[in-house]
Amino acid sequence: MTDLELDCRGLRCPLPVIRLANAIGDVPVGGTVAVVADDPATGPDTQAWCRMRGHEFVGQDTADDGVPRYTVRRAL
């Protein structure tokens, strides 16, 4: 269960991470944002963004249609 899910299907790097950066403030500290994206760069980019910004990369699973979903927990 996530607080917010971003549909970034069809968007290419760096747009999914930019959308994540813009949306992270919309959830409370401790809340989660899931990014659903079919660009293979989104996974490594999301993990790197979390390291740089101090948020927690929770993990990866798949949306109902099989597209990768990356979950981030807001730390700050």
PDB file of N, CA and C in Angstrom:
ATOM      1  N   MET A   1       0.843  -1.188   0.000  1.00  0.00           N
ATOM      2  CA  MET A   1       0.000   0.000   0.000  1.00  0.00           C
ATOM      3  C   MET A   1       0.882   1.244   0.000  1.00  0.00           C
ATOM      4  N   THR A   2       0.640   2.112  -0.940  1.00  0.00           N
ATOM      5  CA  THR A   2       1.398   3.347  -1.017  1.00  0.00           C
ATOM      6  C   THR A   2       0.477   4.542  -0.825  1.00  0.00           C
ATOM      7  N   ASP A   3       1.068   5.660  -0.448  1.00  0.00           N
ATOM      8  CA  ASP A   3       0.290   6.886  -0.280  1.00  0.00           C
ATOM      9  C   ASP A   3      -0.017   7.546  -1.616  1.00  0.00           C
ATOM     10  N   LEU A   4       0.900   7.390  -2.567  1.00  0.00           N
ATOM     11  CA  LEU A   4       0.748   8.033  -3.865  1.00  0.00           C
ATOM     12  C   LEU A   4       1.420   7.160  -4.916  1.00  0.00           C
ATOM     13  N   GLU A   5       0.751   6.987  -6.056  1.00  0.00           N
ATOM     14  CA  GLU A   5       1.344   6.235  -7.155  1.00  0.00           C
ATOM     15  C   GLU A   5       1.392   7.130  -8.382  1.00  0.00           C
ATOM     16  N   LEU A   6       2.575   7.224  -8.996  1.00  0.00           N
ATOM     17  CA  LEU A   6       2.778   8.036 -10.186  1.00  0.00           C
ATOM     18  C   LEU A   6       2.831   7.151 -11.412  1.00  0.00           C
ATOM     19  N   ASP A   7       2.006   7.432 -12.388  1.00  0.00           N
ATOM     20  CA  ASP A   7       2.008   6.684 -13.644  1.00  0.00           C
ATOM     21  C   ASP A   7       2.964   7.378 -14.607  1.00  0.00           C
ATOM     22  N   CYS A   8       4.134   6.798 -14.779  1.00  0.00           N
ATOM     23  CA  CYS A   8       5.158   7.371 -15.653  1.00  0.00           C
ATOM     24  C   CYS A   8       5.414   6.482 -16.860  1.00  0.00           C
ATOM     25  N   ARG A   9       4.449   5.652 -17.210  1.00  0.00           N
ATOM     26  CA  ARG A   9       4.586   4.800 -18.385  1.00  0.00           C
ATOM     27  C   ARG A   9       4.804   5.680 -19.615  1.00  0.00           C
ATOM     28  N   GLY A  10       5.757   5.279 -20.447  1.00  0.00           N
ATOM     29  CA  GLY A  10       6.027   6.008 -21.675  1.00  0.00           C
ATOM     30  C   GLY A  10       6.969   7.190 -21.509  1.00  0.00           C
ATOM     31  N   LEU A  11       7.303   7.556 -20.283  1.00  0.00           N
ATOM     32  CA  LEU A  11       8.223   8.665 -20.047  1.00  0.00           C
ATOM     33  C   LEU A  11       9.651   8.144 -19.986  1.00  0.00           C
ATOM     34  N   ARG A  12      10.561   8.876 -20.544  1.00  0.00           N
ATOM     35  CA  ARG A  12      11.962   8.486 -20.562  1.00  0.00           C
ATOM     36  C   ARG A  12      12.756   9.314 -19.566  1.00  0.00           C
ATOM     37  N   CYS A  13      13.895   8.764 -19.186  1.00  0.00           N
ATOM     38  CA  CYS A  13      14.823   9.398 -18.272  1.00  0.00           C
ATOM     39  C   CYS A  13      15.107  10.819 -18.730  1.00  0.00           C
ATOM     40  N   PRO A  14      15.061  11.759 -17.858  1.00  0.00           N
ATOM     41  CA  PRO A  14      14.931  11.705 -16.401  1.00  0.00           C
ATOM     42  C   PRO A  14      13.526  12.020 -15.896  1.00  0.00           C
ATOM     43  N   LEU A  15      12.514  12.011 -16.771  1.00  0.00           N
ATOM     44  CA  LEU A  15      11.184  12.469 -16.379  1.00  0.00           C
ATOM     45  C   LEU A  15      10.559  11.700 -15.206  1.00  0.00           C
ATOM     46  N   PRO A  16      10.648  10.363 -15.118  1.00  0.00           N
ATOM     47  CA  PRO A  16      10.058   9.700 -13.952  1.00  0.00           C
ATOM     48  C   PRO A  16      10.655  10.180 -12.626  1.00  0.00           C
ATOM     49  N   VAL A  17      11.955  10.397 -12.581  1.00  0.00           N
ATOM     50  CA  VAL A  17      12.583  10.850 -11.334  1.00  0.00           C
ATOM     51  C   VAL A  17      12.232  12.312 -11.064  1.00  0.00           C
ATOM     52  N   ILE A  18      12.094  13.103 -12.096  1.00  0.00           N
ATOM     53  CA  ILE A  18      11.657  14.492 -11.900  1.00  0.00           C
ATOM     54  C   ILE A  18      10.249  14.521 -11.324  1.00  0.00           C
ATOM     55  N   ARG A  19       9.375  13.664 -11.839  1.00  0.00           N
ATOM     56  CA  ARG A  19       8.007  13.592 -11.284  1.00  0.00           C
ATOM     57  C   ARG A  19       8.035  13.141  -9.823  1.00  0.00           C
ATOM     58  N   LEU A  20       8.902  12.177  -9.511  1.00  0.00           N
ATOM     59  CA  LEU A  20       9.055  11.733  -8.123  1.00  0.00           C
ATOM     60  C   LEU A  20       9.512  12.888  -7.249  1.00  0.00           C
ATOM     61  N   ALA A  21      10.520  13.622  -7.693  1.00  0.00           N
ATOM     62  CA  ALA A  21      11.041  14.751  -6.917  1.00  0.00           C
ATOM     63  C   ALA A  21       9.963  15.803  -6.668  1.00  0.00           C
ATOM     64  N   ASN A  22       9.117  16.041  -7.656  1.00  0.00           N
ATOM     65  CA  ASN A  22       8.051  17.025  -7.505  1.00  0.00           C
ATOM     66  C   ASN A  22       6.926  16.539  -6.592  1.00  0.00           C
ATOM     67  N   ALA A  23       6.739  15.225  -6.506  1.00  0.00           N
ATOM     68  CA  ALA A  23       5.607  14.673  -5.749  1.00  0.00           C
ATOM     69  C   ALA A  23       5.958  14.257  -4.327  1.00  0.00           C
ATOM     70  N   ILE A  24       7.228  14.064  -4.009  1.00  0.00           N
ATOM     71  CA  ILE A  24       7.591  13.512  -2.696  1.00  0.00           C
ATOM     72  C   ILE A  24       7.064  14.379  -1.551  1.00  0.00           C
ATOM     73  N   GLY A  25       6.994  15.679  -1.757  1.00  0.00           N
ATOM     74  CA  GLY A  25       6.478  16.578  -0.727  1.00  0.00           C
ATOM     75  C   GLY A  25       4.980  16.473  -0.508  1.00  0.00           C
ATOM     76  N   ASP A  26       4.279  15.750  -1.387  1.00  0.00           N
ATOM     77  CA  ASP A  26       2.833  15.583  -1.252  1.00  0.00           C
ATOM     78  C   ASP A  26       2.446  14.481  -0.276  1.00  0.00           C
ATOM     79  N   VAL A  27       3.421  13.707   0.188  1.00  0.00           N
ATOM     80  CA  VAL A  27       3.147  12.655   1.160  1.00  0.00           C
ATOM     81  C   VAL A  27       3.819  13.028   2.481  1.00  0.00           C
ATOM     82  N   PRO A  28       3.285  12.558   3.598  1.00  0.00           N
ATOM     83  CA  PRO A  28       3.907  12.883   4.889  1.00  0.00           C
ATOM     84  C   PRO A  28       5.238  12.149   5.072  1.00  0.00           C
ATOM     85  N   VAL A  29       6.062  12.651   5.970  1.00  0.00           N
ATOM     86  CA  VAL A  29       7.292  11.946   6.321  1.00  0.00           C
ATOM     87  C   VAL A  29       6.907  10.533   6.753  1.00  0.00           C
ATOM     88  N   GLY A  30       7.592   9.543   6.220  1.00  0.00           N
ATOM     89  CA  GLY A  30       7.252   8.143   6.471  1.00  0.00           C
ATOM     90  C   GLY A  30       6.301   7.575   5.439  1.00  0.00           C
ATOM     91  N   GLY A  31       5.701   8.438   4.630  1.00  0.00           N
ATOM     92  CA  GLY A  31       4.797   8.000   3.576  1.00  0.00           C
ATOM     93  C   GLY A  31       5.570   7.486   2.375  1.00  0.00           C
ATOM     94  N   THR A  32       4.867   6.829   1.472  1.00  0.00           N
ATOM     95  CA  THR A  32       5.523   6.236   0.312  1.00  0.00           C
ATOM     96  C   THR A  32       4.939   6.747  -0.997  1.00  0.00           C
ATOM     97  N   VAL A  33       5.830   6.800  -1.983  1.00  0.00           N
ATOM     98  CA  VAL A  33       5.452   7.134  -3.357  1.00  0.00           C
ATOM     99  C   VAL A  33       5.925   5.981  -4.230  1.00  0.00           C
ATOM    100  N   ALA A  34       5.046   5.501  -5.082  1.00  0.00           N
ATOM    101  CA  ALA A  34       5.400   4.455  -6.037  1.00  0.00           C
ATOM    102  C   ALA A  34       5.465   5.074  -7.432  1.00  0.00           C
ATOM    103  N   VAL A  35       6.498   4.730  -8.159  1.00  0.00           N
ATOM    104  CA  VAL A  35       6.679   5.213  -9.529  1.00  0.00           C
ATOM    105  C   VAL A  35       6.540   4.008 -10.459  1.00  0.00           C
ATOM    106  N   VAL A  36       5.531   4.028 -11.302  1.00  0.00           N
ATOM    107  CA  VAL A  36       5.318   2.963 -12.281  1.00  0.00           C
ATOM    108  C   VAL A  36       5.888   3.472 -13.601  1.00  0.00           C
ATOM    109  N   ALA A  37       6.940   2.804 -14.089  1.00  0.00           N
ATOM    110  CA  ALA A  37       7.623   3.292 -15.286  1.00  0.00           C
ATOM    111  C   ALA A  37       8.211   2.138 -16.091  1.00  0.00           C
ATOM    112  N   ASP A  38       8.115   2.261 -17.402  1.00  0.00           N
ATOM    113  CA  ASP A  38       8.643   1.217 -18.274  1.00  0.00           C
ATOM    114  C   ASP A  38      10.026   1.542 -18.837  1.00  0.00           C
ATOM    115  N   ASP A  39      10.598   2.666 -18.478  1.00  0.00           N
ATOM    116  CA  ASP A  39      11.966   2.993 -18.887  1.00  0.00           C
ATOM    117  C   ASP A  39      12.925   2.238 -17.974  1.00  0.00           C
ATOM    118  N   PRO A  40      13.801   1.392 -18.517  1.00  0.00           N
ATOM    119  CA  PRO A  40      14.694   0.599 -17.669  1.00  0.00           C
ATOM    120  C   PRO A  40      15.655   1.424 -16.822  1.00  0.00           C
ATOM    121  N   ALA A  41      15.875   2.675 -17.165  1.00  0.00           N
ATOM    122  CA  ALA A  41      16.766   3.525 -16.370  1.00  0.00           C
ATOM    123  C   ALA A  41      16.105   4.008 -15.084  1.00  0.00           C
ATOM    124  N   THR A  42      14.799   3.875 -14.969  1.00  0.00           N
ATOM    125  CA  THR A  42      14.099   4.415 -13.804  1.00  0.00           C
ATOM    126  C   THR A  42      14.532   3.751 -12.505  1.00  0.00           C
ATOM    127  N   GLY A  43      14.753   2.449 -12.505  1.00  0.00           N
ATOM    128  CA  GLY A  43      15.171   1.755 -11.279  1.00  0.00           C
ATOM    129  C   GLY A  43      16.483   2.284 -10.728  1.00  0.00           C
ATOM    130  N   PRO A  44      17.558   2.233 -11.507  1.00  0.00           N
ATOM    131  CA  PRO A  44      18.823   2.758 -10.997  1.00  0.00           C
ATOM    132  C   PRO A  44      18.764   4.254 -10.707  1.00  0.00           C
ATOM    133  N   ASP A  45      18.048   5.007 -11.534  1.00  0.00           N
ATOM    134  CA  ASP A  45      17.936   6.448 -11.296  1.00  0.00           C
ATOM    135  C   ASP A  45      17.205   6.747  -9.989  1.00  0.00           C
ATOM    136  N   THR A  46      16.157   5.987  -9.707  1.00  0.00           N
ATOM    137  CA  THR A  46      15.401   6.190  -8.473  1.00  0.00           C
ATOM    138  C   THR A  46      16.256   5.864  -7.255  1.00  0.00           C
ATOM    139  N   GLN A  47      17.013   4.784  -7.326  1.00  0.00           N
ATOM    140  CA  GLN A  47      17.893   4.434  -6.206  1.00  0.00           C
ATOM    141  C   GLN A  47      18.960   5.503  -5.985  1.00  0.00           C
ATOM    142  N   ALA A  48      19.541   6.004  -7.056  1.00  0.00           N
ATOM    143  CA  ALA A  48      20.556   7.057  -6.936  1.00  0.00           C
ATOM    144  C   ALA A  48      19.947   8.333  -6.380  1.00  0.00           C
ATOM    145  N   TRP A  49      18.755   8.680  -6.834  1.00  0.00           N
ATOM    146  CA  TRP A  49      18.076   9.876  -6.328  1.00  0.00           C
ATOM    147  C   TRP A  49      17.825   9.751  -4.828  1.00  0.00           C
ATOM    148  N   CYS A  50      17.395   8.574  -4.383  1.00  0.00           N
ATOM    149  CA  CYS A  50      17.159   8.354  -2.949  1.00  0.00           C
ATOM    150  C   CYS A  50      18.447   8.554  -2.142  1.00  0.00           C
ATOM    151  N   ARG A  51      19.539   8.007  -2.621  1.00  0.00           N
ATOM    152  CA  ARG A  51      20.824   8.178  -1.925  1.00  0.00           C
ATOM    153  C   ARG A  51      21.215   9.648  -1.851  1.00  0.00           C
ATOM    154  N   MET A  52      21.025  10.379  -2.934  1.00  0.00           N
ATOM    155  CA  MET A  52      21.424  11.784  -2.980  1.00  0.00           C
ATOM    156  C   MET A  52      20.514  12.674  -2.133  1.00  0.00           C
ATOM    157  N   ARG A  53      19.238  12.315  -2.021  1.00  0.00           N
ATOM    158  CA  ARG A  53      18.259  13.164  -1.332  1.00  0.00           C
ATOM    159  C   ARG A  53      17.904  12.696   0.074  1.00  0.00           C
ATOM    160  N   GLY A  54      18.435  11.545   0.474  1.00  0.00           N
ATOM    161  CA  GLY A  54      18.205  11.071   1.836  1.00  0.00           C
ATOM    162  C   GLY A  54      16.902  10.335   2.062  1.00  0.00           C
ATOM    163  N   HIS A  55      16.256   9.887   1.002  1.00  0.00           N
ATOM    164  CA  HIS A  55      15.027   9.109   1.133  1.00  0.00           C
ATOM    165  C   HIS A  55      15.361   7.621   1.046  1.00  0.00           C
ATOM    166  N   GLU A  56      14.409   6.778   1.414  1.00  0.00           N
ATOM    167  CA  GLU A  56      14.645   5.330   1.439  1.00  0.00           C
ATOM    168  C   GLU A  56      14.045   4.668   0.205  1.00  0.00           C
ATOM    169  N   PHE A  57      14.867   3.935  -0.532  1.00  0.00           N
ATOM    170  CA  PHE A  57      14.358   3.111  -1.620  1.00  0.00           C
ATOM    171  C   PHE A  57      13.817   1.842  -0.985  1.00  0.00           C
ATOM    172  N   VAL A  58      12.511   1.654  -1.031  1.00  0.00           N
ATOM    173  CA  VAL A  58      11.866   0.514  -0.376  1.00  0.00           C
ATOM    174  C   VAL A  58      12.027  -0.750  -1.200  1.00  0.00           C
ATOM    175  N   GLY A  59      11.870  -0.630  -2.516  1.00  0.00           N
ATOM    176  CA  GLY A  59      12.020  -1.811  -3.358  1.00  0.00           C
ATOM    177  C   GLY A  59      11.282  -1.695  -4.665  1.00  0.00           C
ATOM    178  N   GLN A  60      11.291  -2.800  -5.384  1.00  0.00           N
ATOM    179  CA  GLN A  60      10.677  -2.880  -6.705  1.00  0.00           C
ATOM    180  C   GLN A  60       9.720  -4.052  -6.743  1.00  0.00           C
ATOM    181  N   ASP A  61       8.566  -3.835  -7.370  1.00  0.00           N
ATOM    182  CA  ASP A  61       7.644  -4.916  -7.676  1.00  0.00           C
ATOM    183  C   ASP A  61       7.034  -4.593  -9.034  1.00  0.00           C
ATOM    184  N   THR A  62       5.880  -5.141  -9.340  1.00  0.00           N
ATOM    185  CA  THR A  62       5.258  -4.854 -10.632  1.00  0.00           C
ATOM    186  C   THR A  62       3.820  -4.408 -10.439  1.00  0.00           C
ATOM    187  N   ALA A  63       3.396  -3.520 -11.316  1.00  0.00           N
ATOM    188  CA  ALA A  63       1.998  -3.098 -11.358  1.00  0.00           C
ATOM    189  C   ALA A  63       1.166  -4.243 -11.942  1.00  0.00           C
ATOM    190  N   ASP A  64      -0.133  -4.090 -11.912  1.00  0.00           N
ATOM    191  CA  ASP A  64      -1.024  -5.147 -12.405  1.00  0.00           C
ATOM    192  C   ASP A  64      -0.770  -5.521 -13.862  1.00  0.00           C
ATOM    193  N   ASP A  65      -0.277  -4.570 -14.652  1.00  0.00           N
ATOM    194  CA  ASP A  65      -0.019  -4.850 -16.064  1.00  0.00           C
ATOM    195  C   ASP A  65       1.406  -5.327 -16.328  1.00  0.00           C
ATOM    196  N   GLY A  66       2.182  -5.587 -15.265  1.00  0.00           N
ATOM    197  CA  GLY A  66       3.528  -6.110 -15.406  1.00  0.00           C
ATOM    198  C   GLY A  66       4.622  -5.064 -15.528  1.00  0.00           C
ATOM    199  N   VAL A  67       4.262  -3.792 -15.519  1.00  0.00           N
ATOM    200  CA  VAL A  67       5.245  -2.714 -15.610  1.00  0.00           C
ATOM    201  C   VAL A  67       5.929  -2.561 -14.251  1.00  0.00           C
ATOM    202  N   PRO A  68       7.239  -2.355 -14.240  1.00  0.00           N
ATOM    203  CA  PRO A  68       7.945  -2.194 -12.964  1.00  0.00           C
ATOM    204  C   PRO A  68       7.418  -1.008 -12.151  1.00  0.00           C
ATOM    205  N   ARG A  69       7.395  -1.215 -10.831  1.00  0.00           N
ATOM    206  CA  ARG A  69       6.970  -0.171  -9.889  1.00  0.00           C
ATOM    207  C   ARG A  69       8.048  -0.052  -8.816  1.00  0.00           C
ATOM    208  N   TYR A  70       8.519   1.163  -8.581  1.00  0.00           N
ATOM    209  CA  TYR A  70       9.591   1.441  -7.630  1.00  0.00           C
ATOM    210  C   TYR A  70       9.005   2.268  -6.492  1.00  0.00           C
ATOM    211  N   THR A  71       9.226   1.825  -5.255  1.00  0.00           N
ATOM    212  CA  THR A  71       8.626   2.497  -4.107  1.00  0.00           C
ATOM    213  C   THR A  71       9.689   3.188  -3.271  1.00  0.00           C
ATOM    214  N   VAL A  72       9.382   4.428  -2.891  1.00  0.00           N
ATOM    215  CA  VAL A  72      10.280   5.277  -2.119  1.00  0.00           C
ATOM    216  C   VAL A  72       9.550   5.752  -0.861  1.00  0.00           C
ATOM    217  N   ARG A  73      10.237   5.726   0.276  1.00  0.00           N
ATOM    218  CA  ARG A  73       9.681   6.241   1.526  1.00  0.00           C
ATOM    219  C   ARG A  73      10.291   7.602   1.802  1.00  0.00           C
ATOM    220  N   ARG A  74       9.430   8.588   2.062  1.00  0.00           N
ATOM    221  CA  ARG A  74       9.905   9.926   2.366  1.00  0.00           C
ATOM    222  C   ARG A  74      10.561   9.945   3.739  1.00  0.00           C
ATOM    223  N   ALA A  75      11.783  10.415   3.791  1.00  0.00           N
ATOM    224  CA  ALA A  75      12.519  10.434   5.048  1.00  0.00           C
ATOM    225  C   ALA A  75      12.608  11.831   5.654  1.00  0.00           C
ATOM    226  N   LEU A  76      12.478  12.858   4.864  1.00  0.00           N
ATOM    227  CA  LEU A  76      12.662  14.230   5.338  1.00  0.00           C
ATOM    228  C   LEU A  76      11.407  15.050   5.151  1.00  0.00           C
TER     229      LEU A  76
END
